[in-house]
Amino acid sequence: MDKRKYHLIQWKVICKNKNKGGLGIKDIRKMNISLLTKWWWKLETEDGLWQTIVKAKYMQGNNLIATIKHKADDSPIWTDLLKVRCFYLKGRSVTTKNGHSTFFWEDPWLHKKPLCLLHPVLYDLC
């Protein structure tokens, strides 16, 4: 019988900085979220062939905040982008001013989340 003792080390401890008692290994999940949110930023702020194709194929005239639903034929990359969209949009708000450029259902003008997410049944009816 093996009498060696094994110690379990938690992943969050391994990912801590070396001077804080960890091994300094990067958390791959956080890195992936960061890189995917960077693609959302590029989709929103830059113009190019990739942005044009993605907007035409997946967004179909909807803005970034609108409820874009996952479909069975979506590419794996688009599926991953949809999973992290909430991280990209977190903490955003819209200044309505006169309301001409504000989307009533899709912009978070009233609460921290857009009305289409807070009241999806009403949104679908409209």
C-alpha atoms as a PDB file:
ATOM      1  CA  MET A   1       0.000   0.000   0.000  1.00  0.00           C
ATOM      2  CA  ASP A   2       1.296   3.435  -0.937  1.00  0.00           C
ATOM      3  CA  LYS A   3       1.805   5.594   2.151  1.00  0.00           C
ATOM      4  CA  ARG A   4       2.623   8.835   0.324  1.00  0.00           C
ATOM      5  CA  LYS A   5       0.383  11.768   1.078  1.00  0.00           C
ATOM      6  CA  TYR A   6      -0.919  13.897  -1.728  1.00  0.00           C
ATOM      7  CA  HIS A   7      -1.824  17.503  -1.234  1.00  0.00           C
ATOM      8  CA  LEU A   8      -4.502  19.065  -3.348  1.00  0.00           C
ATOM      9  CA  ILE A   9      -3.734  22.563  -4.494  1.00  0.00           C
ATOM     10  CA  GLN A  10      -6.583  24.765  -5.612  1.00  0.00           C
ATOM     11  CA  TRP A  11      -6.407  26.362  -9.030  1.00  0.00           C
ATOM     12  CA  LYS A  12      -6.977  29.835  -7.555  1.00  0.00           C
ATOM     13  CA  VAL A  13      -3.849  29.353  -5.404  1.00  0.00           C
ATOM     14  CA  ILE A  14      -1.771  28.238  -8.389  1.00  0.00           C
ATOM     15  CA  CYS A  15      -2.878  31.329 -10.337  1.00  0.00           C
ATOM     16  CA  LYS A  16      -1.836  33.730  -7.582  1.00  0.00           C
ATOM     17  CA  ASN A  17       1.240  35.845  -8.042  1.00  0.00           C
ATOM     18  CA  LYS A  18       4.466  34.242  -6.786  1.00  0.00           C
ATOM     19  CA  ASN A  19       4.966  36.903  -4.126  1.00  0.00           C
ATOM     20  CA  LYS A  20       1.463  36.076  -2.815  1.00  0.00           C
ATOM     21  CA  GLY A  21       2.155  32.347  -2.410  1.00  0.00           C
ATOM     22  CA  GLY A  22       1.083  31.080  -5.825  1.00  0.00           C
ATOM     23  CA  LEU A  23       2.936  29.786  -8.857  1.00  0.00           C
ATOM     24  CA  GLY A  24       2.211  32.778 -11.077  1.00  0.00           C
ATOM     25  CA  ILE A  25       0.396  30.752 -13.743  1.00  0.00           C
ATOM     26  CA  LYS A  26      -2.116  32.747 -15.758  1.00  0.00           C
ATOM     27  CA  ASP A  27      -5.780  31.819 -15.353  1.00  0.00           C
ATOM     28  CA  ILE A  28      -6.660  30.559 -18.827  1.00  0.00           C
ATOM     29  CA  ARG A  29     -10.391  31.206 -18.380  1.00  0.00           C
ATOM     30  CA  LYS A  30      -9.796  34.877 -17.562  1.00  0.00           C
ATOM     31  CA  MET A  31      -7.355  35.206 -20.457  1.00  0.00           C
ATOM     32  CA  ASN A  32      -9.922  33.710 -22.844  1.00  0.00           C
ATOM     33  CA  ILE A  33     -12.636  36.099 -21.623  1.00  0.00           C
ATOM     34  CA  SER A  34     -10.243  39.030 -22.063  1.00  0.00           C
ATOM     35  CA  LEU A  35      -9.336  38.069 -25.611  1.00  0.00           C
ATOM     36  CA  LEU A  36     -12.943  37.434 -26.639  1.00  0.00           C
ATOM     37  CA  THR A  37     -14.101  40.755 -25.187  1.00  0.00           C
ATOM     38  CA  LYS A  38     -11.346  42.412 -27.207  1.00  0.00           C
ATOM     39  CA  TRP A  39     -13.015  40.986 -30.326  1.00  0.00           C
ATOM     40  CA  TRP A  40     -16.336  42.555 -29.206  1.00  0.00           C
ATOM     41  CA  TRP A  41     -14.532  45.881 -28.850  1.00  0.00           C
ATOM     42  CA  LYS A  42     -13.077  45.532 -32.363  1.00  0.00           C
ATOM     43  CA  LEU A  43     -16.518  44.630 -33.708  1.00  0.00           C
ATOM     44  CA  GLU A  44     -18.013  47.736 -32.141  1.00  0.00           C
ATOM     45  CA  THR A  45     -15.278  50.309 -32.809  1.00  0.00           C
ATOM     46  CA  GLU A  46     -13.474  49.271 -35.993  1.00  0.00           C
ATOM     47  CA  ASP A  47     -14.537  48.858 -39.596  1.00  0.00           C
ATOM     48  CA  GLY A  48     -13.210  46.112 -41.796  1.00  0.00           C
ATOM     49  CA  LEU A  49     -14.066  43.006 -43.763  1.00  0.00           C
ATOM     50  CA  TRP A  50     -14.383  40.821 -40.638  1.00  0.00           C
ATOM     51  CA  GLN A  51     -16.726  43.298 -38.971  1.00  0.00           C
ATOM     52  CA  THR A  52     -18.868  43.619 -42.095  1.00  0.00           C
ATOM     53  CA  ILE A  53     -19.234  39.848 -42.468  1.00  0.00           C
ATOM     54  CA  VAL A  54     -20.025  39.229 -38.782  1.00  0.00           C
ATOM     55  CA  LYS A  55     -22.570  42.057 -38.636  1.00  0.00           C
ATOM     56  CA  ALA A  56     -24.313  40.841 -41.800  1.00  0.00           C
ATOM     57  CA  LYS A  57     -24.352  37.156 -40.859  1.00  0.00           C
ATOM     58  CA  TYR A  58     -25.033  37.223 -37.120  1.00  0.00           C
ATOM     59  CA  MET A  59     -26.279  40.642 -36.029  1.00  0.00           C
ATOM     60  CA  GLN A  60     -28.632  41.316 -38.977  1.00  0.00           C
ATOM     61  CA  GLY A  61     -29.086  45.009 -38.262  1.00  0.00           C
ATOM     62  CA  ASN A  62     -29.276  44.651 -34.473  1.00  0.00           C
ATOM     63  CA  ASN A  63     -27.026  46.688 -32.280  1.00  0.00           C
ATOM     64  CA  LEU A  64     -24.481  45.126 -29.939  1.00  0.00           C
ATOM     65  CA  ILE A  65     -26.699  45.250 -26.859  1.00  0.00           C
ATOM     66  CA  ALA A  66     -29.766  43.772 -28.537  1.00  0.00           C
ATOM     67  CA  THR A  67     -30.787  40.255 -27.707  1.00  0.00           C
ATOM     68  CA  ILE A  68     -28.936  38.209 -30.300  1.00  0.00           C
ATOM     69  CA  LYS A  69     -29.901  34.578 -29.885  1.00  0.00           C
ATOM     70  CA  HIS A  70     -27.639  31.621 -30.463  1.00  0.00           C
ATOM     71  CA  LYS A  71     -28.592  29.457 -33.438  1.00  0.00           C
ATOM     72  CA  ALA A  72     -27.638  25.855 -34.162  1.00  0.00           C
ATOM     73  CA  ASP A  73     -25.640  26.798 -37.282  1.00  0.00           C
ATOM     74  CA  ASP A  74     -23.544  29.501 -35.547  1.00  0.00           C
ATOM     75  CA  SER A  75     -19.807  29.105 -35.789  1.00  0.00           C
ATOM     76  CA  PRO A  76     -17.960  27.991 -32.630  1.00  0.00           C
ATOM     77  CA  ILE A  77     -16.205  31.362 -32.423  1.00  0.00           C
ATOM     78  CA  TRP A  78     -19.496  33.300 -32.580  1.00  0.00           C
ATOM     79  CA  THR A  79     -20.938  30.969 -29.927  1.00  0.00           C
ATOM     80  CA  ASP A  80     -17.977  31.766 -27.646  1.00  0.00           C
ATOM     81  CA  LEU A  81     -18.363  35.486 -28.351  1.00  0.00           C
ATOM     82  CA  LEU A  82     -22.014  35.338 -27.311  1.00  0.00           C
ATOM     83  CA  LYS A  83     -21.014  33.666 -24.034  1.00  0.00           C
ATOM     84  CA  VAL A  84     -18.773  36.593 -23.027  1.00  0.00           C
ATOM     85  CA  ARG A  85     -20.899  39.455 -24.350  1.00  0.00           C
ATOM     86  CA  CYS A  86     -22.239  40.086 -20.829  1.00  0.00           C
ATOM     87  CA  PHE A  87     -18.671  40.727 -19.612  1.00  0.00           C
ATOM     88  CA  TYR A  88     -18.090  43.220 -22.423  1.00  0.00           C
ATOM     89  CA  LEU A  89     -21.336  45.088 -21.741  1.00  0.00           C
ATOM     90  CA  LYS A  90     -21.040  45.002 -17.950  1.00  0.00           C
ATOM     91  CA  GLY A  91     -21.223  48.425 -16.335  1.00  0.00           C
ATOM     92  CA  ARG A  92     -22.337  50.256 -19.447  1.00  0.00           C
ATOM     93  CA  SER A  93     -25.121  52.773 -19.559  1.00  0.00           C
ATOM     94  CA  VAL A  94     -26.620  55.020 -22.185  1.00  0.00           C
ATOM     95  CA  THR A  95     -27.213  58.743 -21.925  1.00  0.00           C
ATOM     96  CA  THR A  96     -30.570  59.365 -23.540  1.00  0.00           C
ATOM     97  CA  LYS A  97     -30.463  63.167 -23.955  1.00  0.00           C
ATOM     98  CA  ASN A  98     -33.361  63.778 -26.362  1.00  0.00           C
ATOM     99  CA  GLY A  99     -33.871  60.045 -27.027  1.00  0.00           C
ATOM    100  CA  HIS A 100     -33.464  60.160 -30.822  1.00  0.00           C
ATOM    101  CA  SER A 101     -30.441  57.824 -30.850  1.00  0.00           C
ATOM    102  CA  THR A 102     -31.593  55.596 -27.983  1.00  0.00           C
ATOM    103  CA  PHE A 103     -33.100  52.179 -28.642  1.00  0.00           C
ATOM    104  CA  PHE A 104     -36.008  51.830 -26.232  1.00  0.00           C
ATOM    105  CA  TRP A 105     -35.774  48.051 -25.780  1.00  0.00           C
ATOM    106  CA  GLU A 106     -32.102  47.362 -26.539  1.00  0.00           C
ATOM    107  CA  ASP A 107     -30.249  50.139 -24.674  1.00  0.00           C
ATOM    108  CA  PRO A 108     -29.749  50.107 -20.886  1.00  0.00           C
ATOM    109  CA  TRP A 109     -31.196  53.587 -20.462  1.00  0.00           C
ATOM    110  CA  LEU A 110     -33.494  52.917 -17.507  1.00  0.00           C
ATOM    111  CA  HIS A 111     -31.716  50.186 -15.549  1.00  0.00           C
ATOM    112  CA  LYS A 112     -28.283  48.574 -15.780  1.00  0.00           C
ATOM    113  CA  LYS A 113     -29.719  45.997 -18.186  1.00  0.00           C
ATOM    114  CA  PRO A 114     -31.737  46.731 -21.325  1.00  0.00           C
ATOM    115  CA  LEU A 115     -35.492  46.263 -21.133  1.00  0.00           C
ATOM    116  CA  CYS A 116     -35.333  43.429 -23.687  1.00  0.00           C
ATOM    117  CA  LEU A 117     -33.396  41.370 -21.120  1.00  0.00           C
ATOM    118  CA  LEU A 118     -35.493  42.438 -18.149  1.00  0.00           C
ATOM    119  CA  HIS A 119     -38.841  41.779 -19.885  1.00  0.00           C
ATOM    120  CA  PRO A 120     -38.188  39.254 -22.691  1.00  0.00           C
ATOM    121  CA  VAL A 121     -41.836  38.240 -23.091  1.00  0.00           C
ATOM    122  CA  LEU A 122     -42.940  41.835 -23.720  1.00  0.00           C
ATOM    123  CA  TYR A 123     -39.970  42.353 -26.023  1.00  0.00           C
ATOM    124  CA  ASP A 124     -40.912  39.297 -28.097  1.00  0.00           C
ATOM    125  CA  LEU A 125     -44.488  40.550 -28.356  1.00  0.00           C
ATOM    126  CA  CYS A 126     -43.295  43.878 -29.728  1.00  0.00           C
END
